[in-house]
Amino acid sequence: MTGVGMVDLSTSHPTIFAPILAELGMTVRAVLDAERGPAIQRAYPGTRAVDSLAALANACEIAMLLGANWDERLAQLRTLVAHGVPVFVDKPMAGTAGELRELAALADGSARIDGGSALRVAPEAVALRESGYRPDVVAVNCAGHPFYYGVHAVALATAVLGPGLVAARGLSGDPERSIVGVLEHAGGTEIRVSVAVADVAGGFVATVDTGGVPMRVEPAAEAFYPALLGDTMTRLGAPNADRRPGAELVECELALIAMACSLTRGGARVALDAVPADFHPWRGSALRR
C-alpha cells in the first residue's frame, strides 16, 4: 500500500481522511504531531511517530500538510519538496498572495503538489457544471471563519463554474467575523460570496440563477471528502498523471485575500494578480474557528 505521512493532526481532517485513504489503497505510515500522534497510532497500528519533516518524507510516499495554521504551510512545503515527496496541502494553502504565488510556481515546476478545498470537487456541483448549465449569477455562503471556511464557499463556486477567478470587490465585513463581496469569473458569471462566524460552522450552499428559477446546490460531506482524496491523492500517487495548474490550486484563497484587500480600498475592484504580495488579512496562528 502507498504510505502517507500526516503533518499536524489538530483538525478533524486526519481522522476523516484515514479510512478514505485505506479505500484508495493508502495507509497512514507516519505522523508528525507529538500531542495528537498517539491517537492515530492507536487507531492505525504500524503508524510511526516522527520528529521532523525530513523523517516524515523518508517514511512515506505522499505527505499531507494538515492542521489549521496556514502561515506554516509554505515553509513546510519547501522542506518536503526538497526531499522529493509529493505533497497534499490542506486549505487554506497559504495566507498571503506572495506565498500563494510561490506555491503555484512550485506546482508548475518540478514539485508535485495538490490539495485545497474538498468543495472544488463536490459531486453535486461538478455534475451541474458537466451538464452544461451556465448561470449568470452564483451566490455562495457558509458559516465560519471568513478565510478558513470562506475558502470552501469560493471553491464551491468554482465547482459549479470551473476554474477562472479574475478579480474581487469587497462589499462589507470585519476580517475576523465576516466578509461579503463579489468575484468575477473569466466566463462572465458573477459570484456573490457571504461568510460569517456562527455557533455552528459549515452549511455550504450555492444558489445558481440564469434569470429563471434559482437552483440550490448543497453538497454532502460524505460525498465531497472521498471525491477530494480520490482526485488529489490518486494524482499525487501516479508520477505520470496530469498535474493541477498552480494558478488553479491557489485561486480560491487568492480571491478571498483580494476581497479583503478591496475592503481596504473602499470596495474598489482588485485583480487577483494585483494583490500586494505581503498583504496578510488573516493570521493562521490567530484562528478562532
Protein backbone atom coordinates (compact mmCIF):
# COMPACT_ATOMS: atom_id res chain seq x y z
CA MET A 1 0.00 0.00 0.00
CA THR A 2 1.08 3.58 -0.61
CA GLY A 3 2.42 5.12 2.59
CA VAL A 4 1.05 8.51 3.66
CA GLY A 5 2.62 10.88 6.17
CA MET A 6 0.42 13.37 8.03
CA VAL A 7 1.70 16.65 9.47
CA ASP A 8 -0.35 18.35 12.25
CA LEU A 9 -3.45 16.48 13.38
CA SER A 10 -5.20 19.43 15.03
CA THR A 11 -8.32 19.42 12.82
CA SER A 12 -10.97 16.80 12.08
CA HIS A 13 -9.46 16.01 8.68
CA PRO A 14 -6.86 13.38 9.68
CA THR A 15 -9.44 11.05 11.25
CA ILE A 16 -11.89 11.67 8.40
CA PHE A 17 -9.22 11.10 5.76
CA ALA A 18 -7.57 7.94 7.14
CA PRO A 19 -10.38 5.43 6.33
CA ILE A 20 -10.96 7.04 2.94
CA LEU A 21 -7.27 6.68 2.17
CA ALA A 22 -7.49 2.98 3.09
CA GLU A 23 -10.21 2.54 0.48
CA LEU A 24 -7.82 4.05 -2.06
CA GLY A 25 -5.09 1.56 -1.17
CA MET A 26 -3.18 4.01 1.00
CA THR A 27 -2.19 3.75 4.65
CA VAL A 28 -1.11 6.30 7.25
CA ARG A 29 2.50 5.31 7.79
CA ALA A 30 3.93 8.31 9.67
CA VAL A 31 2.65 11.25 11.72
CA LEU A 32 4.36 14.44 12.83
CA ASP A 33 2.41 15.72 15.84
CA ALA A 34 3.76 14.98 19.31
CA GLU A 35 0.49 15.79 21.06
CA ARG A 36 -2.05 14.04 18.83
CA GLY A 37 0.04 11.44 17.03
CA PRO A 38 -0.54 8.63 19.59
CA ALA A 39 -4.31 8.63 18.88
CA ILE A 40 -3.71 7.96 15.20
CA GLN A 41 -1.11 5.34 16.09
CA ARG A 42 -3.63 3.52 18.28
CA ALA A 43 -6.25 3.63 15.55
CA TYR A 44 -3.82 2.55 12.84
CA PRO A 45 -1.24 0.12 14.22
CA GLY A 46 2.09 0.31 12.46
CA THR A 47 1.94 4.08 12.09
CA ARG A 48 5.28 5.62 13.04
CA ALA A 49 5.68 8.84 15.01
CA VAL A 50 8.45 11.05 13.61
CA ASP A 51 10.04 14.25 14.91
CA SER A 52 10.91 16.11 11.71
CA LEU A 53 9.66 16.78 8.21
CA ALA A 54 12.76 15.09 6.82
CA ALA A 55 12.00 11.90 8.74
CA LEU A 56 8.39 12.01 7.58
CA ALA A 57 9.46 12.42 3.94
CA ASN A 58 11.74 9.39 4.28
CA ALA A 59 8.92 7.30 5.77
CA CYS A 60 6.19 7.87 3.19
CA GLU A 61 5.38 8.17 -0.50
CA ILE A 62 2.95 11.11 -0.12
CA ALA A 63 2.91 13.79 2.60
CA MET A 64 -0.18 15.66 3.78
CA LEU A 65 0.10 19.14 5.34
CA LEU A 66 -2.98 19.36 7.53
CA GLY A 67 -3.71 21.48 10.60
CA ALA A 68 -5.23 24.94 10.69
CA ASN A 69 -2.23 27.30 10.68
CA TRP A 70 -1.90 28.29 7.03
CA ASP A 71 1.03 30.59 7.86
CA GLU A 72 3.21 27.49 8.40
CA ARG A 73 2.33 25.83 5.11
CA LEU A 74 4.88 27.26 2.71
CA ALA A 75 7.95 26.66 4.91
CA GLN A 76 6.80 23.07 5.49
CA LEU A 77 6.13 22.62 1.80
CA ARG A 78 9.59 23.86 0.81
CA THR A 79 11.20 21.26 3.08
CA LEU A 80 9.09 18.38 1.77
CA VAL A 81 9.54 19.40 -1.87
CA ALA A 82 13.30 19.49 -1.32
CA HIS A 83 13.07 15.83 -0.27
CA GLY A 84 11.22 14.97 -3.48
CA VAL A 85 7.97 13.79 -1.88
CA PRO A 86 4.56 14.67 -3.40
CA VAL A 87 2.53 16.88 -1.07
CA PHE A 88 -1.17 17.33 -0.38
CA VAL A 89 -1.70 20.84 1.06
CA ASP A 90 -4.92 21.32 3.01
CA LYS A 91 -6.90 24.53 2.76
CA PRO A 92 -6.19 27.36 3.23
CA MET A 93 -2.97 26.75 1.31
CA ALA A 94 -1.27 29.96 2.49
CA GLY A 95 -2.15 33.37 3.89
CA THR A 96 -0.55 35.92 1.54
CA ALA A 97 -0.56 36.48 -2.19
CA GLY A 98 3.22 36.18 -2.26
CA GLU A 99 3.17 32.77 -0.58
CA LEU A 100 0.36 31.56 -2.81
CA ARG A 101 2.23 32.64 -5.93
CA GLU A 102 5.35 30.82 -4.77
CA LEU A 103 3.30 27.70 -4.10
CA ALA A 104 1.77 27.95 -7.58
CA ALA A 105 5.23 28.32 -9.13
CA LEU A 106 6.45 25.23 -7.28
CA ALA A 107 3.45 23.27 -8.54
CA ASP A 108 4.11 24.41 -12.11
CA GLY A 109 7.75 23.36 -11.76
CA SER A 110 9.15 20.03 -10.69
CA ALA A 111 7.19 19.69 -7.44
CA ARG A 112 4.10 17.51 -7.23
CA ILE A 113 1.53 19.44 -5.21
CA ASP A 114 -2.25 19.19 -4.91
CA GLY A 115 -4.95 19.67 -2.30
CA GLY A 116 -7.17 22.54 -1.29
CA SER A 117 -10.87 22.57 -0.51
CA ALA A 118 -12.99 19.47 -0.99
CA LEU A 119 -15.80 21.70 -2.25
CA ARG A 120 -13.90 22.27 -5.50
CA VAL A 121 -14.78 18.70 -6.50
CA ALA A 122 -18.17 18.41 -4.75
CA PRO A 123 -20.01 15.87 -6.95
CA GLU A 124 -23.36 17.70 -6.87
CA ALA A 125 -21.75 20.91 -8.17
CA VAL A 126 -19.47 19.20 -10.68
CA ALA A 127 -22.45 17.31 -12.14
CA LEU A 128 -24.24 20.62 -12.65
CA ARG A 129 -21.23 22.07 -14.47
CA GLU A 130 -20.80 18.98 -16.64
CA SER A 131 -24.46 19.15 -17.64
CA GLY A 132 -23.68 22.38 -19.47
CA TYR A 133 -25.59 24.64 -17.06
CA ARG A 134 -24.07 28.13 -17.19
CA PRO A 135 -25.56 30.50 -14.60
CA ASP A 136 -25.41 34.28 -14.81
CA VAL A 137 -25.03 34.52 -11.05
CA VAL A 138 -23.76 32.11 -8.39
CA ALA A 139 -24.31 33.03 -4.74
CA VAL A 140 -22.29 31.01 -2.22
CA ASN A 141 -22.45 31.19 1.53
CA CYS A 142 -21.45 29.32 4.66
CA ALA A 143 -20.91 29.83 8.38
CA GLY A 144 -17.46 30.06 9.90
CA HIS A 145 -14.19 31.99 9.85
CA PRO A 146 -14.13 34.25 6.75
CA PHE A 147 -10.90 32.71 5.43
CA TYR A 148 -10.74 29.21 6.91
CA TYR A 149 -14.32 28.41 5.86
CA GLY A 150 -14.64 31.07 3.18
CA VAL A 151 -12.23 29.09 1.01
CA HIS A 152 -14.87 26.34 0.91
CA ALA A 153 -17.56 28.76 -0.24
CA VAL A 154 -15.41 30.12 -3.07
CA ALA A 155 -14.31 26.59 -4.03
CA LEU A 156 -17.96 25.57 -4.33
CA ALA A 157 -18.46 28.34 -6.88
CA THR A 158 -15.52 27.03 -8.91
CA ALA A 159 -17.02 23.53 -8.77
CA VAL A 160 -20.13 24.94 -10.46
CA LEU A 161 -18.23 27.10 -12.96
CA GLY A 162 -14.77 25.57 -13.31
CA PRO A 163 -11.57 27.48 -12.54
CA GLY A 164 -11.11 31.05 -13.72
CA LEU A 165 -11.43 33.60 -10.92
CA VAL A 166 -10.24 37.01 -12.12
CA ALA A 167 -10.96 39.81 -9.65
CA ALA A 168 -12.78 40.71 -6.46
CA ARG A 169 -14.69 43.51 -4.78
CA GLY A 170 -15.30 43.62 -1.04
CA LEU A 171 -18.69 44.96 -0.02
CA SER A 172 -18.61 44.67 3.77
CA GLY A 173 -17.06 42.75 6.60
CA ASP A 174 -14.98 42.56 9.74
CA PRO A 175 -11.97 40.36 8.85
CA GLU A 176 -12.32 38.12 11.91
CA ARG A 177 -16.11 37.84 11.83
CA SER A 178 -17.47 38.12 8.29
CA ILE A 179 -16.87 39.01 4.69
CA VAL A 180 -19.28 39.84 1.87
CA GLY A 181 -18.18 40.54 -1.66
CA VAL A 182 -18.33 39.78 -5.36
CA LEU A 183 -15.92 37.80 -7.53
CA GLU A 184 -15.53 37.96 -11.29
CA HIS A 185 -15.18 34.73 -13.25
CA ALA A 186 -13.48 34.53 -16.65
CA GLY A 187 -16.67 33.01 -18.07
CA GLY A 188 -18.65 36.14 -17.19
CA THR A 189 -20.57 34.81 -14.20
CA GLU A 190 -20.85 37.00 -11.12
CA ILE A 191 -20.08 35.17 -7.85
CA ARG A 192 -21.59 36.60 -4.68
CA VAL A 193 -19.85 35.46 -1.52
CA SER A 194 -21.11 35.73 2.06
CA VAL A 195 -19.34 34.13 5.03
CA ALA A 196 -19.93 34.88 8.71
CA VAL A 197 -18.94 33.33 12.02
CA ALA A 198 -21.76 31.40 13.70
CA ASP A 199 -22.21 28.99 16.59
CA VAL A 200 -22.13 26.06 14.15
CA ALA A 201 -19.74 26.25 11.21
CA GLY A 202 -20.46 24.77 7.78
CA GLY A 203 -23.71 24.87 5.84
CA PHE A 204 -22.11 25.23 2.40
CA VAL A 205 -24.70 26.34 -0.15
CA ALA A 206 -24.59 27.60 -3.73
CA THR A 207 -27.61 29.21 -5.37
CA VAL A 208 -27.34 29.42 -9.15
CA ASP A 209 -29.55 31.52 -11.41
CA THR A 210 -29.81 32.09 -15.16
CA GLY A 211 -32.64 34.54 -14.84
CA GLY A 212 -35.22 31.84 -14.25
CA VAL A 213 -35.92 29.68 -11.24
CA PRO A 214 -32.92 29.65 -8.86
CA MET A 215 -31.36 26.24 -8.19
CA ARG A 216 -29.86 25.33 -4.82
CA VAL A 217 -26.76 23.13 -4.50
CA GLU A 218 -25.91 21.86 -1.01
CA PRO A 219 -23.01 19.35 -1.11
CA ALA A 220 -22.81 16.47 1.36
CA ALA A 221 -19.59 15.78 3.27
CA GLU A 222 -19.95 12.03 2.78
CA ALA A 223 -19.51 12.65 -0.93
CA PHE A 224 -17.08 15.56 -1.17
CA TYR A 225 -14.32 14.18 1.08
CA PRO A 226 -13.97 10.93 -0.90
CA ALA A 227 -14.12 12.98 -4.11
CA LEU A 228 -11.29 15.21 -2.89
CA LEU A 229 -8.94 12.39 -1.92
CA GLY A 230 -9.86 10.25 -4.90
CA ASP A 231 -8.94 13.16 -7.16
CA THR A 232 -5.86 14.57 -5.43
CA MET A 233 -4.19 11.59 -3.80
CA THR A 234 -4.60 9.36 -6.83
CA ARG A 235 -2.95 12.04 -8.94
CA LEU A 236 -0.13 12.56 -6.45
CA GLY A 237 0.48 8.81 -6.29
CA ALA A 238 0.86 8.46 -10.06
CA PRO A 239 4.10 10.09 -11.32
CA ASN A 240 2.81 10.44 -14.88
CA ALA A 241 -0.64 11.80 -14.01
CA ASP A 242 -1.71 15.25 -15.15
CA ARG A 243 -0.96 17.96 -12.61
CA ARG A 244 -3.32 20.68 -11.50
CA PRO A 245 -2.04 24.08 -12.72
CA GLY A 246 -0.60 26.23 -9.96
CA ALA A 247 -2.98 29.12 -10.59
CA GLU A 248 -5.95 26.79 -10.18
CA LEU A 249 -4.56 25.42 -6.92
CA VAL A 250 -4.43 28.81 -5.20
CA GLU A 251 -7.19 30.87 -6.80
CA CYS A 252 -9.79 30.39 -4.05
CA GLU A 253 -7.50 31.65 -1.30
CA LEU A 254 -6.20 34.44 -3.51
CA ALA A 255 -9.74 35.54 -4.36
CA LEU A 256 -10.64 35.95 -0.69
CA ILE A 257 -7.44 37.88 0.01
CA ALA A 258 -8.26 40.12 -2.97
CA MET A 259 -11.72 40.69 -1.50
CA ALA A 260 -10.21 41.69 1.84
CA CYS A 261 -7.76 43.97 0.03
CA SER A 262 -10.68 45.61 -1.77
CA LEU A 263 -12.28 46.42 1.59
CA THR A 264 -9.19 48.45 2.49
CA ARG A 265 -9.64 50.39 -0.76
CA GLY A 266 -13.27 51.38 -0.34
CA GLY A 267 -14.61 48.42 -2.32
CA ALA A 268 -12.53 49.06 -5.44
CA ARG A 269 -12.03 46.20 -7.88
CA VAL A 270 -8.81 44.25 -7.20
CA ALA A 271 -7.48 41.81 -9.78
CA LEU A 272 -6.13 38.59 -8.31
CA ASP A 273 -2.75 39.16 -9.95
CA ALA A 274 -2.56 42.68 -8.46
CA VAL A 275 -2.92 41.81 -4.76
CA PRO A 276 0.21 43.03 -2.92
CA ALA A 277 2.48 40.10 -2.11
CA ASP A 278 2.68 40.86 1.62
CA PHE A 279 -0.96 41.76 2.28
CA HIS A 280 -1.91 39.49 5.22
CA PRO A 281 -5.51 40.00 6.37
CA TRP A 282 -5.85 36.71 8.28
CA ARG A 283 -3.24 35.15 10.57
CA GLY A 284 -3.32 31.40 10.86
CA SER A 285 -1.97 31.49 14.40
CA ALA A 286 -4.93 33.63 15.49
CA LEU A 287 -7.66 31.41 14.04
CA ARG A 288 -10.86 31.23 16.05
CA ARG A 289 -12.97 28.56 14.40
